[in-house]
């Protein structure tokens, strides 16, 4: 009888775990947004600490003005450079079809890839379908960004409250060890975000300088894209180089080769100079692990998985490394 009761209890536990896993899978997008909010709250909280020291404002109340100042600073930059960015993005979008036609002509003259291009054009979605999907995706992205921003502020206002709620999931005798693990994970994520921000900034500046020197149109827009794409390691830099190369092809093969050289130099500088200097203060992830993490998380979770692949991997490595013995 006792063994039957244990069997029934184990079956119920297994069913409950499977049900929770299924429920988590249904709300995986929400969970990813929560994780993004936590990352943003770490940024807000880290900036609120020096702000609180300077203004002598309580740390809890310093988060909101820091968030307002950060969002305001980003908005001011976009406002000041908005006209330039808008003009260059429009120029970029207008130049891409011309570059594509030029590429088709080059391939046609050389007898390479024409059939492949025609097949790609035949299966490509119509302009109306692209516009409809793009509008829907932009709206969803704006709503998601707003929720992440608000969630990040709430998490940063009372991090102790949410940490204590999370600790209640463990037995009381384990909570001290888990608290230390959470503290270590937070520190590793903060170090990763600082290093990533510096790397993105350097890549953007170097790309803008290089593209401006060789005279590639829309240099600022292309550099901004390279800066943002740097957040996704290995894959992002490759994707960011494609529009620049297509634009450069409109100016000639020599310009395209110089553009390719610029991106190679920028990425080599980031990989061999910047990243090694920053890795002393962050979790060092093997390149193979980073690459397959992007592939795995992207395959499972889509675009959000690709964007958050590296911080999710940092979280996993940090949790394993700091797990109580």
C-alpha atoms as a PDB file:
ATOM      1  CA  UNK A   1       0.000   0.000   0.000  1.00  0.00           C
ATOM      2  CA  UNK A   2       2.817   2.359   0.896  1.00  0.00           C
ATOM      3  CA  UNK A   3       4.615   1.632  -2.360  1.00  0.00           C
ATOM      4  CA  UNK A   4       1.387   2.284  -4.284  1.00  0.00           C
ATOM      5  CA  UNK A   5       0.999   5.648  -2.564  1.00  0.00           C
ATOM      6  CA  UNK A   6       4.591   6.560  -3.413  1.00  0.00           C
ATOM      7  CA  UNK A   7       4.013   5.545  -7.022  1.00  0.00           C
ATOM      8  CA  UNK A   8       0.865   7.651  -7.253  1.00  0.00           C
ATOM      9  CA  UNK A   9       2.656  10.608  -5.639  1.00  0.00           C
ATOM     10  CA  UNK A  10       5.583  10.321  -8.049  1.00  0.00           C
ATOM     11  CA  UNK A  11       3.237  10.141 -11.013  1.00  0.00           C
ATOM     12  CA  UNK A  12       1.391  13.258  -9.791  1.00  0.00           C
ATOM     13  CA  UNK A  13       4.697  15.108  -9.332  1.00  0.00           C
ATOM     14  CA  UNK A  14       5.841  14.154 -12.828  1.00  0.00           C
ATOM     15  CA  UNK A  15       2.513  15.231 -14.325  1.00  0.00           C
ATOM     16  CA  UNK A  16       2.691  18.535 -12.450  1.00  0.00           C
ATOM     17  CA  UNK A  17       6.228  19.167 -13.722  1.00  0.00           C
ATOM     18  CA  UNK A  18       5.194  18.364 -17.297  1.00  0.00           C
ATOM     19  CA  UNK A  19       2.166  20.644 -16.963  1.00  0.00           C
ATOM     20  CA  UNK A  20       4.360  23.485 -15.703  1.00  0.00           C
ATOM     21  CA  UNK A  21       6.811  22.941 -18.570  1.00  0.00           C
ATOM     22  CA  UNK A  22       3.947  23.016 -21.078  1.00  0.00           C
ATOM     23  CA  UNK A  23       2.547  26.185 -19.506  1.00  0.00           C
ATOM     24  CA  UNK A  24       6.007  27.791 -19.578  1.00  0.00           C
ATOM     25  CA  UNK A  25       6.285  26.908 -23.268  1.00  0.00           C
ATOM     26  CA  UNK A  26       2.948  28.605 -23.959  1.00  0.00           C
ATOM     27  CA  UNK A  27       4.103  31.827 -22.309  1.00  0.00           C
ATOM     28  CA  UNK A  28       7.714  31.661 -23.451  1.00  0.00           C
ATOM     29  CA  UNK A  29       7.451  35.078 -25.144  1.00  0.00           C
ATOM     30  CA  UNK A  30       6.321  36.610 -21.858  1.00  0.00           C
ATOM     31  CA  UNK A  31       9.174  34.919 -20.006  1.00  0.00           C
ATOM     32  CA  UNK A  32      11.688  36.319 -22.507  1.00  0.00           C
ATOM     33  CA  UNK A  33      10.213  39.783 -22.039  1.00  0.00           C
ATOM     34  CA  UNK A  34      10.542  39.371 -18.273  1.00  0.00           C
ATOM     35  CA  UNK A  35      14.196  38.432 -18.718  1.00  0.00           C
ATOM     36  CA  UNK A  36      14.737  41.471 -20.958  1.00  0.00           C
ATOM     37  CA  UNK A  37      13.100  43.637 -18.273  1.00  0.00           C
ATOM     38  CA  UNK A  38      15.445  42.171 -15.678  1.00  0.00           C
ATOM     39  CA  UNK A  39      18.449  43.045 -17.865  1.00  0.00           C
ATOM     40  CA  UNK A  40      17.141  46.593 -18.219  1.00  0.00           C
ATOM     41  CA  UNK A  41      16.517  46.833 -14.468  1.00  0.00           C
ATOM     42  CA  UNK A  42      20.148  45.859 -13.854  1.00  0.00           C
ATOM     43  CA  UNK A  43      21.208  48.767 -16.076  1.00  0.00           C
ATOM     44  CA  UNK A  44      18.859  51.192 -14.310  1.00  0.00           C
ATOM     45  CA  UNK A  45      19.969  50.050 -10.860  1.00  0.00           C
ATOM     46  CA  UNK A  46      23.684  50.244 -11.693  1.00  0.00           C
ATOM     47  CA  UNK A  47      23.246  53.804 -12.987  1.00  0.00           C
ATOM     48  CA  UNK A  48      21.069  54.752 -10.005  1.00  0.00           C
ATOM     49  CA  UNK A  49      23.841  53.928  -7.509  1.00  0.00           C
ATOM     50  CA  UNK A  50      26.247  56.755  -8.519  1.00  0.00           C
ATOM     51  CA  UNK A  51      23.268  59.052  -9.137  1.00  0.00           C
ATOM     52  CA  UNK A  52      22.093  58.436  -5.583  1.00  0.00           C
ATOM     53  CA  UNK A  53      25.546  59.170  -4.187  1.00  0.00           C
ATOM     54  CA  UNK A  54      25.815  62.469  -6.066  1.00  0.00           C
ATOM     55  CA  UNK A  55      22.300  63.713  -5.340  1.00  0.00           C
ATOM     56  CA  UNK A  56      22.019  62.058  -1.897  1.00  0.00           C
ATOM     57  CA  UNK A  57      18.667  60.760  -3.019  1.00  0.00           C
ATOM     58  CA  UNK A  58      17.548  57.374  -1.630  1.00  0.00           C
ATOM     59  CA  UNK A  59      18.501  54.616  -4.038  1.00  0.00           C
ATOM     60  CA  UNK A  60      14.920  53.471  -4.464  1.00  0.00           C
ATOM     61  CA  UNK A  61      13.825  56.913  -5.617  1.00  0.00           C
ATOM     62  CA  UNK A  62      16.875  57.457  -7.817  1.00  0.00           C
ATOM     63  CA  UNK A  63      15.826  54.734 -10.258  1.00  0.00           C
ATOM     64  CA  UNK A  64      12.961  56.646 -11.833  1.00  0.00           C
ATOM     65  CA  UNK A  65      14.891  59.864 -12.641  1.00  0.00           C
ATOM     66  CA  UNK A  66      17.760  57.731 -13.981  1.00  0.00           C
ATOM     67  CA  UNK A  67      15.332  55.884 -16.260  1.00  0.00           C
ATOM     68  CA  UNK A  68      13.822  59.185 -17.392  1.00  0.00           C
ATOM     69  CA  UNK A  69      17.265  60.688 -18.019  1.00  0.00           C
ATOM     70  CA  UNK A  70      18.432  57.611 -19.952  1.00  0.00           C
ATOM     71  CA  UNK A  71      15.326  57.455 -22.131  1.00  0.00           C
ATOM     72  CA  UNK A  72      15.452  61.244 -22.528  1.00  0.00           C
ATOM     73  CA  UNK A  73      19.107  61.114 -23.560  1.00  0.00           C
ATOM     74  CA  UNK A  74      18.343  58.484 -26.202  1.00  0.00           C
ATOM     75  CA  UNK A  75      15.374  60.543 -27.396  1.00  0.00           C
ATOM     76  CA  UNK A  76      17.513  63.684 -27.574  1.00  0.00           C
ATOM     77  CA  UNK A  77      20.181  61.934 -29.621  1.00  0.00           C
ATOM     78  CA  UNK A  78      17.538  60.593 -31.999  1.00  0.00           C
ATOM     79  CA  UNK A  79      16.015  64.075 -32.264  1.00  0.00           C
ATOM     80  CA  UNK A  80      19.343  65.800 -32.948  1.00  0.00           C
ATOM     81  CA  UNK A  81      20.446  63.265 -35.512  1.00  0.00           C
ATOM     82  CA  UNK A  82      16.935  62.344 -36.656  1.00  0.00           C
ATOM     83  CA  UNK A  83      16.991  64.311 -39.900  1.00  0.00           C
ATOM     84  CA  UNK A  84      20.422  62.961 -40.809  1.00  0.00           C
ATOM     85  CA  UNK A  85      19.477  59.404 -39.923  1.00  0.00           C
ATOM     86  CA  UNK A  86      16.182  59.664 -41.775  1.00  0.00           C
ATOM     87  CA  UNK A  87      17.847  61.006 -44.928  1.00  0.00           C
ATOM     88  CA  UNK A  88      20.560  58.360 -44.832  1.00  0.00           C
ATOM     89  CA  UNK A  89      18.136  55.514 -44.125  1.00  0.00           C
ATOM     90  CA  UNK A  90      15.972  56.672 -47.053  1.00  0.00           C
ATOM     91  CA  UNK A  91      19.089  56.856 -49.207  1.00  0.00           C
ATOM     92  CA  UNK A  92      20.038  53.388 -48.016  1.00  0.00           C
ATOM     93  CA  UNK A  93      16.630  51.924 -48.852  1.00  0.00           C
ATOM     94  CA  UNK A  94      16.647  53.613 -52.266  1.00  0.00           C
ATOM     95  CA  UNK A  95      20.143  52.390 -52.991  1.00  0.00           C
ATOM     96  CA  UNK A  96      19.543  48.741 -52.128  1.00  0.00           C
ATOM     97  CA  UNK A  97      17.328  47.954 -55.175  1.00  0.00           C
ATOM     98  CA  UNK A  98      19.896  49.591 -57.454  1.00  0.00           C
ATOM     99  CA  UNK A  99      22.643  47.535 -55.847  1.00  0.00           C
ATOM    100  CA  UNK A 100      20.548  44.398 -56.286  1.00  0.00           C
ATOM    101  CA  UNK A 101      20.003  45.110 -59.975  1.00  0.00           C
ATOM    102  CA  UNK A 102      23.709  45.785 -60.405  1.00  0.00           C
ATOM    103  CA  UNK A 103      24.529  42.506 -58.712  1.00  0.00           C
ATOM    104  CA  UNK A 104      22.141  40.658 -61.010  1.00  0.00           C
ATOM    105  CA  UNK A 105      23.775  42.214 -64.056  1.00  0.00           C
ATOM    106  CA  UNK A 106      27.235  41.221 -62.827  1.00  0.00           C
ATOM    107  CA  UNK A 107      26.093  37.651 -62.234  1.00  0.00           C
ATOM    108  CA  UNK A 108      24.357  37.555 -65.599  1.00  0.00           C
ATOM    109  CA  UNK A 109      27.469  38.767 -67.406  1.00  0.00           C
ATOM    110  CA  UNK A 110      29.541  36.147 -65.691  1.00  0.00           C
ATOM    111  CA  UNK A 111      26.903  33.434 -66.219  1.00  0.00           C
ATOM    112  CA  UNK A 112      26.641  32.690 -62.528  1.00  0.00           C
ATOM    113  CA  UNK A 113      23.626  32.443 -60.294  1.00  0.00           C
ATOM    114  CA  UNK A 114      21.004  33.907 -62.691  1.00  0.00           C
ATOM    115  CA  UNK A 115      18.681  30.937 -62.351  1.00  0.00           C
ATOM    116  CA  UNK A 116      18.993  31.096 -58.558  1.00  0.00           C
ATOM    117  CA  UNK A 117      18.106  34.811 -58.541  1.00  0.00           C
ATOM    118  CA  UNK A 118      15.054  34.230 -60.747  1.00  0.00           C
ATOM    119  CA  UNK A 119      13.828  31.483 -58.467  1.00  0.00           C
ATOM    120  CA  UNK A 120      14.303  33.696 -55.425  1.00  0.00           C
ATOM    121  CA  UNK A 121      12.308  36.472 -57.095  1.00  0.00           C
ATOM    122  CA  UNK A 122       9.507  34.084 -58.054  1.00  0.00           C
ATOM    123  CA  UNK A 123       9.014  32.819 -54.491  1.00  0.00           C
ATOM    124  CA  UNK A 124       9.529  36.216 -52.862  1.00  0.00           C
ATOM    125  CA  UNK A 125       6.412  37.622 -51.155  1.00  0.00           C
ATOM    126  CA  UNK A 126       4.604  40.548 -52.725  1.00  0.00           C
ATOM    127  CA  UNK A 127       5.146  44.138 -51.596  1.00  0.00           C
ATOM    128  CA  UNK A 128       1.719  44.245 -49.933  1.00  0.00           C
ATOM    129  CA  UNK A 129       2.468  41.117 -47.929  1.00  0.00           C
ATOM    130  CA  UNK A 130       5.848  42.483 -46.858  1.00  0.00           C
ATOM    131  CA  UNK A 131       4.327  45.841 -45.875  1.00  0.00           C
ATOM    132  CA  UNK A 132       1.522  44.199 -43.902  1.00  0.00           C
ATOM    133  CA  UNK A 133       3.878  41.893 -42.044  1.00  0.00           C
ATOM    134  CA  UNK A 134       6.345  44.701 -41.415  1.00  0.00           C
ATOM    135  CA  UNK A 135       3.644  46.982 -39.966  1.00  0.00           C
ATOM    136  CA  UNK A 136       2.371  44.222 -37.701  1.00  0.00           C
ATOM    137  CA  UNK A 137       5.869  43.353 -36.515  1.00  0.00           C
ATOM    138  CA  UNK A 138       6.728  47.003 -35.837  1.00  0.00           C
ATOM    139  CA  UNK A 139       3.571  47.439 -33.745  1.00  0.00           C
ATOM    140  CA  UNK A 140       4.300  44.278 -31.756  1.00  0.00           C
ATOM    141  CA  UNK A 141       7.899  45.374 -31.260  1.00  0.00           C
ATOM    142  CA  UNK A 142       6.826  48.799 -29.969  1.00  0.00           C
ATOM    143  CA  UNK A 143       4.348  47.259 -27.524  1.00  0.00           C
ATOM    144  CA  UNK A 144       6.956  44.757 -26.372  1.00  0.00           C
ATOM    145  CA  UNK A 145       9.587  47.479 -25.942  1.00  0.00           C
ATOM    146  CA  UNK A 146       7.152  49.546 -23.857  1.00  0.00           C
ATOM    147  CA  UNK A 147       6.346  46.575 -21.602  1.00  0.00           C
ATOM    148  CA  UNK A 148      10.033  45.760 -21.195  1.00  0.00           C
ATOM    149  CA  UNK A 149      10.786  49.386 -20.279  1.00  0.00           C
ATOM    150  CA  UNK A 150       7.989  49.585 -17.689  1.00  0.00           C
ATOM    151  CA  UNK A 151       8.910  46.175 -16.308  1.00  0.00           C
ATOM    152  CA  UNK A 152      12.557  47.184 -16.054  1.00  0.00           C
ATOM    153  CA  UNK A 153      11.603  50.253 -14.010  1.00  0.00           C
ATOM    154  CA  UNK A 154       9.400  48.226 -11.662  1.00  0.00           C
ATOM    155  CA  UNK A 155      12.069  45.570 -11.143  1.00  0.00           C
ATOM    156  CA  UNK A 156      14.708  48.225 -10.481  1.00  0.00           C
ATOM    157  CA  UNK A 157      12.525  50.087  -7.975  1.00  0.00           C
ATOM    158  CA  UNK A 158      12.200  47.129  -5.607  1.00  0.00           C
ATOM    159  CA  UNK A 159      14.732  44.424  -6.521  1.00  0.00           C
ATOM    160  CA  UNK A 160      14.747  43.038  -2.976  1.00  0.00           C
ATOM    161  CA  UNK A 161      11.014  42.372  -3.090  1.00  0.00           C
ATOM    162  CA  UNK A 162      11.227  40.290  -6.264  1.00  0.00           C
ATOM    163  CA  UNK A 163      14.380  38.531  -5.081  1.00  0.00           C
ATOM    164  CA  UNK A 164      12.674  37.513  -1.824  1.00  0.00           C
ATOM    165  CA  UNK A 165       9.650  36.246  -3.741  1.00  0.00           C
ATOM    166  CA  UNK A 166      11.945  34.140  -5.899  1.00  0.00           C
ATOM    167  CA  UNK A 167      13.815  32.802  -2.870  1.00  0.00           C
ATOM    168  CA  UNK A 168      10.562  31.512  -1.395  1.00  0.00           C
ATOM    169  CA  UNK A 169      10.583  28.827  -4.081  1.00  0.00           C
ATOM    170  CA  UNK A 170      13.453  27.122  -2.219  1.00  0.00           C
ATOM    171  CA  UNK A 171      13.523  25.579   1.281  1.00  0.00           C
ATOM    172  CA  UNK A 172      14.578  27.987   4.009  1.00  0.00           C
ATOM    173  CA  UNK A 173      17.896  26.242   4.622  1.00  0.00           C
ATOM    174  CA  UNK A 174      18.841  26.732   0.931  1.00  0.00           C
ATOM    175  CA  UNK A 175      17.871  30.376   0.570  1.00  0.00           C
ATOM    176  CA  UNK A 176      21.180  31.849   1.715  1.00  0.00           C
ATOM    177  CA  UNK A 177      23.139  29.837  -0.845  1.00  0.00           C
ATOM    178  CA  UNK A 178      20.647  30.654  -3.607  1.00  0.00           C
ATOM    179  CA  UNK A 179      20.814  34.335  -2.661  1.00  0.00           C
ATOM    180  CA  UNK A 180      24.598  34.283  -3.167  1.00  0.00           C
ATOM    181  CA  UNK A 181      24.108  32.590  -6.547  1.00  0.00           C
ATOM    182  CA  UNK A 182      21.589  35.249  -7.609  1.00  0.00           C
ATOM    183  CA  UNK A 183      24.006  37.972  -6.516  1.00  0.00           C
ATOM    184  CA  UNK A 184      26.805  36.420  -8.581  1.00  0.00           C
ATOM    185  CA  UNK A 185      24.547  36.030 -11.614  1.00  0.00           C
ATOM    186  CA  UNK A 186      23.516  39.680 -11.358  1.00  0.00           C
ATOM    187  CA  UNK A 187      27.163  40.738 -11.208  1.00  0.00           C
ATOM    188  CA  UNK A 188      28.057  38.627 -14.241  1.00  0.00           C
ATOM    189  CA  UNK A 189      25.125  39.970 -16.261  1.00  0.00           C
ATOM    190  CA  UNK A 190      26.068  43.542 -15.336  1.00  0.00           C
ATOM    191  CA  UNK A 191      29.687  42.948 -16.384  1.00  0.00           C
ATOM    192  CA  UNK A 192      28.460  41.441 -19.655  1.00  0.00           C
ATOM    193  CA  UNK A 193      26.184  44.412 -20.369  1.00  0.00           C
ATOM    194  CA  UNK A 194      28.965  46.919 -19.661  1.00  0.00           C
ATOM    195  CA  UNK A 195      31.407  45.073 -21.895  1.00  0.00           C
ATOM    196  CA  UNK A 196      28.812  44.648 -24.625  1.00  0.00           C
ATOM    197  CA  UNK A 197      27.920  48.342 -24.567  1.00  0.00           C
ATOM    198  CA  UNK A 198      31.580  49.337 -24.917  1.00  0.00           C
ATOM    199  CA  UNK A 199      32.111  46.854 -27.759  1.00  0.00           C
ATOM    200  CA  UNK A 200      28.987  48.067 -29.585  1.00  0.00           C
ATOM    201  CA  UNK A 201      30.035  51.702 -29.207  1.00  0.00           C
ATOM    202  CA  UNK A 202      33.558  51.052 -30.492  1.00  0.00           C
ATOM    203  CA  UNK A 203      32.296  49.010 -33.459  1.00  0.00           C
ATOM    204  CA  UNK A 204      29.808  51.734 -34.395  1.00  0.00           C
ATOM    205  CA  UNK A 205      32.408  54.506 -34.215  1.00  0.00           C
ATOM    206  CA  UNK A 206      35.059  52.555 -36.147  1.00  0.00           C
ATOM    207  CA  UNK A 207      32.554  51.510 -38.803  1.00  0.00           C
ATOM    208  CA  UNK A 208      31.392  55.109 -39.263  1.00  0.00           C
ATOM    209  CA  UNK A 209      34.967  56.401 -39.553  1.00  0.00           C
ATOM    210  CA  UNK A 210      35.967  53.696 -42.029  1.00  0.00           C
ATOM    211  CA  UNK A 211      32.866  53.992 -44.215  1.00  0.00           C
ATOM    212  CA  UNK A 212      33.121  57.787 -44.232  1.00  0.00           C
ATOM    213  CA  UNK A 213      36.775  57.697 -45.319  1.00  0.00           C
ATOM    214  CA  UNK A 214      36.094  55.456 -48.313  1.00  0.00           C
ATOM    215  CA  UNK A 215      32.988  57.473 -49.211  1.00  0.00           C
ATOM    216  CA  UNK A 216      30.199  54.913 -48.787  1.00  0.00           C
ATOM    217  CA  UNK A 217      26.763  56.605 -48.756  1.00  0.00           C
ATOM    218  CA  UNK A 218      24.573  56.321 -45.636  1.00  0.00           C
ATOM    219  CA  UNK A 219      27.649  55.789 -43.457  1.00  0.00           C
ATOM    220  CA  UNK A 220      25.866  56.868 -40.279  1.00  0.00           C
ATOM    221  CA  UNK A 221      22.882  54.572 -40.836  1.00  0.00           C
ATOM    222  CA  UNK A 222      25.154  51.639 -41.706  1.00  0.00           C
ATOM    223  CA  UNK A 223      27.344  52.285 -38.652  1.00  0.00           C
ATOM    224  CA  UNK A 224      24.275  52.463 -36.412  1.00  0.00           C
ATOM    225  CA  UNK A 225      23.095  49.138 -37.812  1.00  0.00           C
ATOM    226  CA  UNK A 226      26.539  47.618 -37.209  1.00  0.00           C
ATOM    227  CA  UNK A 227      26.487  48.947 -33.654  1.00  0.00           C
ATOM    228  CA  UNK A 228      23.106  47.373 -32.886  1.00  0.00           C
ATOM    229  CA  UNK A 229      23.914  44.115 -34.679  1.00  0.00           C
ATOM    230  CA  UNK A 230      27.037  43.724 -32.533  1.00  0.00           C
ATOM    231  CA  UNK A 231      24.772  42.692 -29.629  1.00  0.00           C
ATOM    232  CA  UNK A 232      24.265  39.371 -31.463  1.00  0.00           C
ATOM    233  CA  UNK A 233      27.783  37.883 -31.636  1.00  0.00           C
ATOM    234  CA  UNK A 234      29.229  36.165 -34.704  1.00  0.00           C
ATOM    235  CA  UNK A 235      26.015  36.356 -36.728  1.00  0.00           C
ATOM    236  CA  UNK A 236      25.225  40.051 -36.177  1.00  0.00           C
ATOM    237  CA  UNK A 237      28.488  41.400 -37.681  1.00  0.00           C
ATOM    238  CA  UNK A 238      27.999  39.289 -40.824  1.00  0.00           C
ATOM    239  CA  UNK A 239      24.436  40.520 -41.273  1.00  0.00           C
ATOM    240  CA  UNK A 240      25.460  44.139 -40.687  1.00  0.00           C
ATOM    241  CA  UNK A 241      28.033  43.967 -43.497  1.00  0.00           C
ATOM    242  CA  UNK A 242      25.552  42.860 -46.184  1.00  0.00           C
ATOM    243  CA  UNK A 243      23.731  46.209 -46.740  1.00  0.00           C
ATOM    244  CA  UNK A 244      27.034  48.099 -46.738  1.00  0.00           C
ATOM    245  CA  UNK A 245      28.492  45.787 -49.368  1.00  0.00           C
ATOM    246  CA  UNK A 246      25.395  46.077 -51.560  1.00  0.00           C
ATOM    247  CA  UNK A 247      25.526  49.876 -51.374  1.00  0.00           C
ATOM    248  CA  UNK A 248      29.254  49.861 -52.067  1.00  0.00           C
ATOM    249  CA  UNK A 249      28.706  47.754 -55.191  1.00  0.00           C
ATOM    250  CA  UNK A 250      26.787  50.667 -56.734  1.00  0.00           C
ATOM    251  CA  UNK A 251      30.036  52.646 -56.586  1.00  0.00           C
ATOM    252  CA  UNK A 252      32.206  49.920 -58.057  1.00  0.00           C
ATOM    253  CA  UNK A 253      33.978  46.724 -57.156  1.00  0.00           C
ATOM    254  CA  UNK A 254      36.929  48.578 -55.618  1.00  0.00           C
ATOM    255  CA  UNK A 255      34.664  50.387 -53.147  1.00  0.00           C
ATOM    256  CA  UNK A 256      32.994  47.100 -52.257  1.00  0.00           C
ATOM    257  CA  UNK A 257      36.367  45.510 -51.519  1.00  0.00           C
ATOM    258  CA  UNK A 258      37.397  48.483 -49.389  1.00  0.00           C
ATOM    259  CA  UNK A 259      34.069  48.229 -47.514  1.00  0.00           C
ATOM    260  CA  UNK A 260      34.662  44.550 -46.890  1.00  0.00           C
ATOM    261  CA  UNK A 261      38.144  45.382 -45.601  1.00  0.00           C
ATOM    262  CA  UNK A 262      36.667  47.991 -43.224  1.00  0.00           C
ATOM    263  CA  UNK A 263      34.288  45.461 -41.666  1.00  0.00           C
ATOM    264  CA  UNK A 264      37.034  42.851 -41.405  1.00  0.00           C
ATOM    265  CA  UNK A 265      39.351  45.325 -39.653  1.00  0.00           C
ATOM    266  CA  UNK A 266      36.585  46.496 -37.322  1.00  0.00           C
ATOM    267  CA  UNK A 267      35.583  42.973 -36.348  1.00  0.00           C
ATOM    268  CA  UNK A 268      39.186  41.827 -35.936  1.00  0.00           C
ATOM    269  CA  UNK A 269      39.860  44.835 -33.721  1.00  0.00           C
ATOM    270  CA  UNK A 270      36.767  44.025 -31.670  1.00  0.00           C
ATOM    271  CA  UNK A 271      37.583  40.310 -31.411  1.00  0.00           C
ATOM    272  CA  UNK A 272      41.335  40.522 -30.771  1.00  0.00           C
ATOM    273  CA  UNK A 273      41.749  43.829 -28.941  1.00  0.00           C
ATOM    274  CA  UNK A 274      38.532  45.066 -27.357  1.00  0.00           C
ATOM    275  CA  UNK A 275      36.946  41.796 -26.232  1.00  0.00           C
ATOM    276  CA  UNK A 276      40.108  40.369 -24.567  1.00  0.00           C
ATOM    277  CA  UNK A 277      40.467  43.591 -22.558  1.00  0.00           C
ATOM    278  CA  UNK A 278      36.832  43.404 -21.460  1.00  0.00           C
ATOM    279  CA  UNK A 279      36.658  39.666 -20.765  1.00  0.00           C
ATOM    280  CA  UNK A 280      38.659  40.033 -17.561  1.00  0.00           C
ATOM    281  CA  UNK A 281      35.514  41.426 -15.943  1.00  0.00           C
ATOM    282  CA  UNK A 282      32.900  39.248 -17.604  1.00  0.00           C
ATOM    283  CA  UNK A 283      32.037  35.604 -18.097  1.00  0.00           C
ATOM    284  CA  UNK A 284      34.298  34.243 -20.827  1.00  0.00           C
ATOM    285  CA  UNK A 285      32.193  32.283 -23.325  1.00  0.00           C
ATOM    286  CA  UNK A 286      33.893  29.973 -25.850  1.00  0.00           C
ATOM    287  CA  UNK A 287      33.137  31.075 -29.443  1.00  0.00           C
ATOM    288  CA  UNK A 288      31.623  27.696 -30.331  1.00  0.00           C
ATOM    289  CA  UNK A 289      29.269  27.883 -27.349  1.00  0.00           C
ATOM    290  CA  UNK A 290      28.234  31.415 -28.285  1.00  0.00           C
ATOM    291  CA  UNK A 291      27.605  30.453 -31.921  1.00  0.00           C
ATOM    292  CA  UNK A 292      25.477  27.398 -31.154  1.00  0.00           C
ATOM    293  CA  UNK A 293      23.679  29.250 -28.360  1.00  0.00           C
ATOM    294  CA  UNK A 294      22.502  31.807 -30.932  1.00  0.00           C
ATOM    295  CA  UNK A 295      21.437  28.998 -33.290  1.00  0.00           C
ATOM    296  CA  UNK A 296      19.654  26.999 -30.578  1.00  0.00           C
ATOM    297  CA  UNK A 297      17.871  29.887 -28.881  1.00  0.00           C
ATOM    298  CA  UNK A 298      16.980  31.369 -32.273  1.00  0.00           C
ATOM    299  CA  UNK A 299      15.533  28.071 -33.492  1.00  0.00           C
ATOM    300  CA  UNK A 300      13.465  27.621 -30.342  1.00  0.00           C
ATOM    301  CA  UNK A 301      12.425  31.168 -29.448  1.00  0.00           C
ATOM    302  CA  UNK A 302      12.710  33.074 -32.734  1.00  0.00           C
ATOM    303  CA  UNK A 303      13.987  36.638 -32.990  1.00  0.00           C
ATOM    304  CA  UNK A 304      13.831  37.259 -29.237  1.00  0.00           C
ATOM    305  CA  UNK A 305      15.899  34.133 -28.711  1.00  0.00           C
ATOM    306  CA  UNK A 306      18.574  35.405 -31.105  1.00  0.00           C
ATOM    307  CA  UNK A 307      18.713  38.813 -29.391  1.00  0.00           C
ATOM    308  CA  UNK A 308      18.848  37.369 -25.873  1.00  0.00           C
ATOM    309  CA  UNK A 309      20.961  34.296 -26.692  1.00  0.00           C
ATOM    310  CA  UNK A 310      24.213  35.653 -25.265  1.00  0.00           C
ATOM    311  CA  UNK A 311      22.814  37.008 -21.966  1.00  0.00           C
ATOM    312  CA  UNK A 312      20.853  33.762 -21.526  1.00  0.00           C
ATOM    313  CA  UNK A 313      24.089  31.830 -22.050  1.00  0.00           C
ATOM    314  CA  UNK A 314      25.890  34.103 -19.574  1.00  0.00           C
ATOM    315  CA  UNK A 315      23.120  33.417 -17.065  1.00  0.00           C
ATOM    316  CA  UNK A 316      23.435  29.656 -17.602  1.00  0.00           C
ATOM    317  CA  UNK A 317      27.244  29.637 -17.274  1.00  0.00           C
ATOM    318  CA  UNK A 318      27.105  31.859 -14.201  1.00  0.00           C
ATOM    319  CA  UNK A 319      24.459  29.677 -12.542  1.00  0.00           C
ATOM    320  CA  UNK A 320      26.503  26.523 -13.174  1.00  0.00           C
ATOM    321  CA  UNK A 321      29.768  28.124 -12.032  1.00  0.00           C
ATOM    322  CA  UNK A 322      28.282  29.564  -8.842  1.00  0.00           C
ATOM    323  CA  UNK A 323      25.979  26.676  -8.005  1.00  0.00           C
ATOM    324  CA  UNK A 324      26.373  25.737  -4.303  1.00  0.00           C
ATOM    325  CA  UNK A 325      28.303  22.528  -3.790  1.00  0.00           C
END
